[in-house]
Amino acid sequence: MSKENIAPTVRGYTATKDQLLSRLRRIEGQVRGIQGMVKDDRYCIDVLTQVAAIQAALDKVALGLLDGHAHTCVVGARTEEKEERTAEMMAAVGRLLRRG
């Protein structure tokens, strides 16, 4: 079977992939900015403020991914897969809530 006959995989974020990648690049830039702040011996609270901003941005990314997963991969799953997909999603939510 050639690659031409294989349908691309649709993920919960497929429709907003460009927006997601843009947001991740922005977060990557923020992390580089914190590296520069540490290198320049910036005030601790200023660095922590930027860390909090990055965490909030990552939370927003995670919520968007969870929303897409719920609508695409859980609701759209075959009946026999829904229970497993729901359990996977809830495990991911648990991991996100246990950070720190």
N, C-alpha and C. Protein backbone atom coordinates (compact mmCIF):
# COMPACT_ATOMS: atom_id res chain seq x y z
N MET A 1 0.84 -1.18 0.00
CA MET A 1 0.00 0.00 0.00
C MET A 1 0.89 1.25 0.00
N SER A 2 0.62 2.15 -0.90
CA SER A 2 1.42 3.37 -0.97
C SER A 2 0.93 4.38 0.05
N LYS A 3 1.79 5.35 0.37
CA LYS A 3 1.43 6.40 1.32
C LYS A 3 0.26 7.23 0.81
N GLU A 4 0.08 7.31 -0.48
CA GLU A 4 -1.00 8.11 -1.05
C GLU A 4 -2.37 7.57 -0.66
N ASN A 5 -2.47 6.27 -0.40
CA ASN A 5 -3.75 5.66 -0.08
C ASN A 5 -4.05 5.67 1.42
N ILE A 6 -3.12 6.14 2.23
CA ILE A 6 -3.32 6.15 3.67
C ILE A 6 -3.87 7.51 4.07
N ALA A 7 -5.03 7.49 4.75
CA ALA A 7 -5.63 8.75 5.20
C ALA A 7 -4.81 9.32 6.35
N PRO A 8 -4.61 10.64 6.37
CA PRO A 8 -3.86 11.24 7.48
C PRO A 8 -4.64 11.09 8.78
N THR A 9 -3.91 10.96 9.87
CA THR A 9 -4.54 10.84 11.17
C THR A 9 -5.07 12.19 11.60
N VAL A 10 -6.31 12.21 12.05
CA VAL A 10 -6.90 13.45 12.55
C VAL A 10 -6.82 13.43 14.07
N ARG A 11 -6.22 14.44 14.61
CA ARG A 11 -6.08 14.59 16.06
C ARG A 11 -7.03 15.68 16.52
N GLY A 12 -7.24 15.75 17.81
CA GLY A 12 -8.12 16.77 18.36
C GLY A 12 -7.63 18.19 18.10
N TYR A 13 -6.35 18.35 17.84
CA TYR A 13 -5.78 19.68 17.59
C TYR A 13 -5.52 19.95 16.12
N THR A 14 -5.88 19.03 15.25
CA THR A 14 -5.56 19.17 13.82
C THR A 14 -6.07 20.48 13.24
N ALA A 15 -7.29 20.87 13.58
CA ALA A 15 -7.87 22.09 13.00
C ALA A 15 -7.16 23.35 13.48
N THR A 16 -6.54 23.30 14.64
CA THR A 16 -5.88 24.49 15.20
C THR A 16 -4.38 24.27 15.34
N LYS A 17 -3.83 23.38 14.55
CA LYS A 17 -2.42 23.03 14.67
C LYS A 17 -1.50 24.23 14.51
N ASP A 18 -1.75 25.08 13.54
CA ASP A 18 -0.89 26.25 13.32
C ASP A 18 -0.94 27.19 14.53
N GLN A 19 -2.13 27.39 15.08
CA GLN A 19 -2.29 28.24 16.26
C GLN A 19 -1.55 27.61 17.45
N LEU A 20 -1.67 26.31 17.62
CA LEU A 20 -1.00 25.61 18.70
C LEU A 20 0.52 25.73 18.57
N LEU A 21 1.03 25.53 17.37
CA LEU A 21 2.48 25.65 17.16
C LEU A 21 2.97 27.06 17.42
N SER A 22 2.18 28.05 17.03
CA SER A 22 2.53 29.45 17.29
C SER A 22 2.60 29.71 18.79
N ARG A 23 1.62 29.21 19.51
CA ARG A 23 1.59 29.40 20.97
C ARG A 23 2.80 28.71 21.62
N LEU A 24 3.14 27.52 21.15
CA LEU A 24 4.29 26.79 21.71
C LEU A 24 5.60 27.51 21.40
N ARG A 25 5.71 28.11 20.22
CA ARG A 25 6.92 28.88 19.91
C ARG A 25 7.03 30.10 20.82
N ARG A 26 5.89 30.73 21.11
CA ARG A 26 5.89 31.87 22.02
C ARG A 26 6.34 31.45 23.42
N ILE A 27 5.86 30.30 23.88
CA ILE A 27 6.27 29.77 25.19
C ILE A 27 7.76 29.46 25.18
N GLU A 28 8.22 28.87 24.09
CA GLU A 28 9.65 28.58 23.97
C GLU A 28 10.47 29.86 24.10
N GLY A 29 10.01 30.93 23.49
CA GLY A 29 10.69 32.22 23.60
C GLY A 29 10.67 32.75 25.02
N GLN A 30 9.56 32.53 25.72
CA GLN A 30 9.49 32.96 27.11
C GLN A 30 10.50 32.19 27.97
N VAL A 31 10.66 30.91 27.70
CA VAL A 31 11.63 30.09 28.45
C VAL A 31 13.04 30.60 28.17
N ARG A 32 13.33 30.90 26.92
CA ARG A 32 14.65 31.47 26.61
C ARG A 32 14.85 32.80 27.32
N GLY A 33 13.77 33.58 27.43
CA GLY A 33 13.85 34.85 28.14
C GLY A 33 14.20 34.65 29.61
N ILE A 34 13.63 33.62 30.23
CA ILE A 34 13.96 33.33 31.62
C ILE A 34 15.43 32.91 31.75
N GLN A 35 15.90 32.14 30.79
CA GLN A 35 17.32 31.77 30.82
C GLN A 35 18.18 33.02 30.81
N GLY A 36 17.83 33.98 29.99
CA GLY A 36 18.57 35.24 29.94
C GLY A 36 18.48 36.00 31.24
N MET A 37 17.30 35.97 31.86
CA MET A 37 17.13 36.66 33.14
C MET A 37 18.04 36.05 34.20
N VAL A 38 18.11 34.73 34.23
CA VAL A 38 18.97 34.06 35.21
C VAL A 38 20.43 34.38 34.91
N LYS A 39 20.79 34.31 33.64
CA LYS A 39 22.17 34.62 33.25
C LYS A 39 22.55 36.04 33.67
N ASP A 40 21.58 36.98 33.58
CA ASP A 40 21.82 38.38 33.94
C ASP A 40 21.60 38.67 35.42
N ASP A 41 21.38 37.61 36.22
CA ASP A 41 21.17 37.77 37.67
C ASP A 41 20.02 38.70 38.00
N ARG A 42 18.90 38.53 37.31
CA ARG A 42 17.73 39.36 37.57
C ARG A 42 17.10 38.99 38.91
N TYR A 43 16.31 39.88 39.44
CA TYR A 43 15.65 39.72 40.73
C TYR A 43 14.75 38.47 40.72
N CYS A 44 14.84 37.69 41.79
CA CYS A 44 14.14 36.40 41.89
C CYS A 44 12.65 36.52 41.59
N ILE A 45 12.00 37.51 42.15
CA ILE A 45 10.56 37.66 41.97
C ILE A 45 10.21 37.93 40.51
N ASP A 46 11.06 38.66 39.82
CA ASP A 46 10.83 38.90 38.39
C ASP A 46 10.91 37.59 37.60
N VAL A 47 11.87 36.75 37.96
CA VAL A 47 12.00 35.45 37.29
C VAL A 47 10.78 34.59 37.60
N LEU A 48 10.39 34.56 38.87
CA LEU A 48 9.23 33.75 39.26
C LEU A 48 7.95 34.23 38.58
N THR A 49 7.82 35.51 38.38
CA THR A 49 6.66 36.05 37.68
C THR A 49 6.60 35.50 36.26
N GLN A 50 7.75 35.42 35.62
CA GLN A 50 7.81 34.88 34.25
C GLN A 50 7.53 33.38 34.24
N VAL A 51 8.01 32.68 35.25
CA VAL A 51 7.72 31.23 35.36
C VAL A 51 6.21 31.03 35.48
N ALA A 52 5.55 31.84 36.30
CA ALA A 52 4.10 31.73 36.46
C ALA A 52 3.38 32.00 35.14
N ALA A 53 3.88 32.96 34.38
CA ALA A 53 3.27 33.27 33.07
C ALA A 53 3.40 32.09 32.12
N ILE A 54 4.54 31.42 32.15
CA ILE A 54 4.75 30.25 31.29
C ILE A 54 3.84 29.12 31.73
N GLN A 55 3.72 28.91 33.04
CA GLN A 55 2.83 27.86 33.52
C GLN A 55 1.39 28.12 33.08
N ALA A 56 0.95 29.36 33.16
CA ALA A 56 -0.40 29.71 32.72
C ALA A 56 -0.57 29.45 31.22
N ALA A 57 0.44 29.80 30.45
CA ALA A 57 0.38 29.57 29.00
C ALA A 57 0.33 28.08 28.69
N LEU A 58 1.12 27.28 29.40
CA LEU A 58 1.11 25.83 29.20
C LEU A 58 -0.22 25.23 29.63
N ASP A 59 -0.81 25.75 30.71
CA ASP A 59 -2.13 25.29 31.14
C ASP A 59 -3.16 25.53 30.05
N LYS A 60 -3.07 26.69 29.41
CA LYS A 60 -4.01 27.01 28.33
C LYS A 60 -3.83 26.05 27.15
N VAL A 61 -2.59 25.73 26.84
CA VAL A 61 -2.32 24.75 25.78
C VAL A 61 -2.91 23.40 26.18
N ALA A 62 -2.68 22.98 27.41
CA ALA A 62 -3.17 21.69 27.88
C ALA A 62 -4.70 21.63 27.83
N LEU A 63 -5.37 22.69 28.27
CA LEU A 63 -6.83 22.70 28.24
C LEU A 63 -7.36 22.62 26.82
N GLY A 64 -6.70 23.31 25.91
CA GLY A 64 -7.09 23.23 24.51
C GLY A 64 -6.93 21.84 23.95
N LEU A 65 -5.82 21.19 24.30
CA LEU A 65 -5.59 19.82 23.85
C LEU A 65 -6.62 18.87 24.44
N LEU A 66 -6.93 19.04 25.73
CA LEU A 66 -7.94 18.20 26.36
C LEU A 66 -9.31 18.39 25.72
N ASP A 67 -9.66 19.64 25.43
CA ASP A 67 -10.93 19.92 24.78
C ASP A 67 -11.01 19.24 23.42
N GLY A 68 -9.96 19.39 22.64
CA GLY A 68 -9.93 18.74 21.32
C GLY A 68 -9.99 17.24 21.44
N HIS A 69 -9.27 16.69 22.40
CA HIS A 69 -9.27 15.23 22.61
C HIS A 69 -10.67 14.75 23.00
N ALA A 70 -11.31 15.48 23.91
CA ALA A 70 -12.66 15.08 24.35
C ALA A 70 -13.63 15.07 23.17
N HIS A 71 -13.58 16.11 22.35
CA HIS A 71 -14.53 16.21 21.24
C HIS A 71 -14.21 15.28 20.08
N THR A 72 -12.95 15.06 19.83
CA THR A 72 -12.56 14.28 18.66
C THR A 72 -12.29 12.82 18.99
N CYS A 73 -11.46 12.59 19.99
CA CYS A 73 -10.98 11.23 20.26
C CYS A 73 -11.87 10.45 21.22
N VAL A 74 -12.61 11.15 22.08
CA VAL A 74 -13.49 10.44 23.03
C VAL A 74 -14.91 10.37 22.46
N VAL A 75 -15.51 11.53 22.21
CA VAL A 75 -16.88 11.54 21.69
C VAL A 75 -16.94 10.88 20.33
N GLY A 76 -15.92 11.09 19.51
CA GLY A 76 -15.90 10.53 18.17
C GLY A 76 -15.40 9.10 18.08
N ALA A 77 -15.05 8.51 19.21
CA ALA A 77 -14.51 7.14 19.21
C ALA A 77 -15.62 6.12 18.94
N ARG A 78 -15.18 4.98 18.44
CA ARG A 78 -16.13 3.87 18.29
C ARG A 78 -16.61 3.48 19.68
N THR A 79 -17.80 2.97 19.78
CA THR A 79 -18.41 2.63 21.07
C THR A 79 -17.50 1.78 21.93
N GLU A 80 -16.85 0.81 21.35
CA GLU A 80 -15.99 -0.09 22.13
C GLU A 80 -14.70 0.58 22.61
N GLU A 81 -14.37 1.76 22.07
CA GLU A 81 -13.17 2.48 22.48
C GLU A 81 -13.44 3.61 23.48
N LYS A 82 -14.69 4.01 23.64
CA LYS A 82 -15.00 5.19 24.44
C LYS A 82 -14.55 5.07 25.89
N GLU A 83 -14.75 3.93 26.50
CA GLU A 83 -14.36 3.75 27.90
C GLU A 83 -12.84 3.90 28.06
N GLU A 84 -12.08 3.27 27.18
CA GLU A 84 -10.62 3.37 27.24
C GLU A 84 -10.15 4.79 26.99
N ARG A 85 -10.73 5.46 26.00
CA ARG A 85 -10.34 6.83 25.68
C ARG A 85 -10.68 7.78 26.83
N THR A 86 -11.82 7.56 27.47
CA THR A 86 -12.19 8.39 28.62
C THR A 86 -11.21 8.18 29.76
N ALA A 87 -10.84 6.93 30.02
CA ALA A 87 -9.87 6.63 31.08
C ALA A 87 -8.52 7.28 30.79
N GLU A 88 -8.08 7.25 29.53
CA GLU A 88 -6.83 7.90 29.14
C GLU A 88 -6.89 9.40 29.41
N MET A 89 -8.02 10.01 29.04
CA MET A 89 -8.17 11.44 29.22
C MET A 89 -8.17 11.80 30.71
N MET A 90 -8.87 11.03 31.51
CA MET A 90 -8.92 11.32 32.95
C MET A 90 -7.55 11.13 33.59
N ALA A 91 -6.78 10.16 33.13
CA ALA A 91 -5.41 9.97 33.63
C ALA A 91 -4.55 11.19 33.28
N ALA A 92 -4.73 11.72 32.07
CA ALA A 92 -3.99 12.92 31.66
C ALA A 92 -4.39 14.11 32.52
N VAL A 93 -5.67 14.25 32.82
CA VAL A 93 -6.14 15.33 33.70
C VAL A 93 -5.49 15.18 35.07
N GLY A 94 -5.45 13.95 35.56
CA GLY A 94 -4.82 13.70 36.86
C GLY A 94 -3.35 14.11 36.88
N ARG A 95 -2.64 13.79 35.82
CA ARG A 95 -1.22 14.17 35.73
C ARG A 95 -1.07 15.69 35.73
N LEU A 96 -1.95 16.37 35.01
CA LEU A 96 -1.88 17.83 34.96
C LEU A 96 -2.18 18.47 36.30
N LEU A 97 -3.09 17.90 37.06
CA LEU A 97 -3.46 18.47 38.34
C LEU A 97 -2.44 18.19 39.43
N ARG A 98 -1.62 17.16 39.26
CA ARG A 98 -0.64 16.79 40.29
C ARG A 98 0.70 17.47 40.13
N ARG A 99 0.83 18.37 39.20
CA ARG A 99 2.14 19.00 39.02
C ARG A 99 2.48 19.82 40.26
N GLY A 100 3.77 19.86 40.56
CA GLY A 100 4.22 20.64 41.71
C GLY A 100 4.01 19.90 42.96
